[in-house]
Every structure is written in structure tokens, then in C-alpha cells.
Amino acid sequence: MRSEVVDCYGTTGTSDCLVRIVVADMDAHHDVLHNLLSRLDGAAQASTGVALR
């Protein structure tokens, strides 16, 4: 597991899982999303929510 990934939960509803990551900036977010999460088998879609504080 990469150090940016803090938690991963299986969920019900419209999403299959929730992956919580902590990154320094949006460039790091892009790296995790496009070089890790989007390459997972079965990962067809991603949605991002950002905690401001």
C-alpha cells in the first residue's frame, strides 16, 4: 500500500468502496488517482471529495 492511502472501506449504495488518501497538493492527488486507483482492475469510475480543514 502506498503511504498516501490512509483507509479503504467497502460501502453500499452507488459506490463500491471509499479510499481515503492524504496528499500535499492536487498534483499529488492526480498522481494517486491516475497512477494507482485508475489502474485497479474493475475501477471504472472515480469521484473526489476534498476536506478543506
Protein backbone atom coordinates (compact mmCIF):
# COMPACT_ATOMS: atom_id res chain seq x y z
CA MET A 1 0.00 0.00 0.00
CA ARG A 2 1.24 3.49 -0.78
CA SER A 3 1.78 5.89 2.10
CA GLU A 4 -0.89 8.28 0.75
CA VAL A 5 -3.64 5.68 1.30
CA VAL A 6 -4.88 6.07 4.87
CA ASP A 7 -8.09 3.99 4.85
CA CYS A 8 -10.15 1.88 2.49
CA TYR A 9 -13.73 0.82 3.23
CA GLY A 10 -16.23 -1.34 1.38
CA THR A 11 -19.52 0.56 1.05
CA THR A 12 -23.11 0.06 -0.01
CA GLY A 13 -25.01 2.26 -2.42
CA THR A 14 -23.72 3.78 -5.63
CA SER A 15 -20.02 3.28 -4.78
CA ASP A 16 -18.21 0.01 -4.04
CA CYS A 17 -15.54 1.49 -1.83
CA LEU A 18 -14.22 4.64 -0.19
CA VAL A 19 -10.48 5.22 -0.29
CA ARG A 20 -9.18 7.98 1.96
CA ILE A 21 -5.87 9.50 0.89
CA VAL A 22 -3.80 12.30 2.36
CA VAL A 23 -1.69 14.29 -0.08
CA ALA A 24 0.15 17.61 -0.03
CA ASP A 25 -1.44 19.13 -3.12
CA MET A 26 -3.56 18.49 -6.20
CA ASP A 27 -0.54 17.31 -8.20
CA ALA A 28 -0.04 14.52 -5.67
CA HIS A 29 -3.78 13.77 -5.82
CA HIS A 30 -3.54 13.47 -9.60
CA ASP A 31 -0.62 11.07 -9.23
CA VAL A 32 -2.53 8.77 -6.84
CA LEU A 33 -5.71 8.89 -8.92
CA HIS A 34 -4.13 8.29 -12.31
CA ASN A 35 -1.15 6.10 -11.41
CA LEU A 36 -2.73 3.93 -8.73
CA LEU A 37 -6.50 3.96 -8.41
CA SER A 38 -7.44 4.14 -12.10
CA ARG A 39 -5.18 1.15 -12.83
CA LEU A 40 -7.02 -1.19 -10.46
CA ASP A 41 -8.98 -3.99 -12.13
CA GLY A 42 -12.65 -3.08 -12.14
CA ALA A 43 -12.09 0.62 -11.43
CA ALA A 44 -14.46 2.19 -13.96
CA GLN A 45 -15.16 5.50 -12.25
CA ALA A 46 -13.80 7.73 -9.50
CA SER A 47 -15.23 10.62 -7.54
CA THR A 48 -13.30 13.06 -5.37
CA GLY A 49 -14.31 14.93 -2.26
CA VAL A 50 -11.87 17.34 -0.65
CA ALA A 51 -11.77 18.16 3.06
CA LEU A 52 -10.85 21.82 3.38
CA ARG A 53 -9.89 21.67 7.06
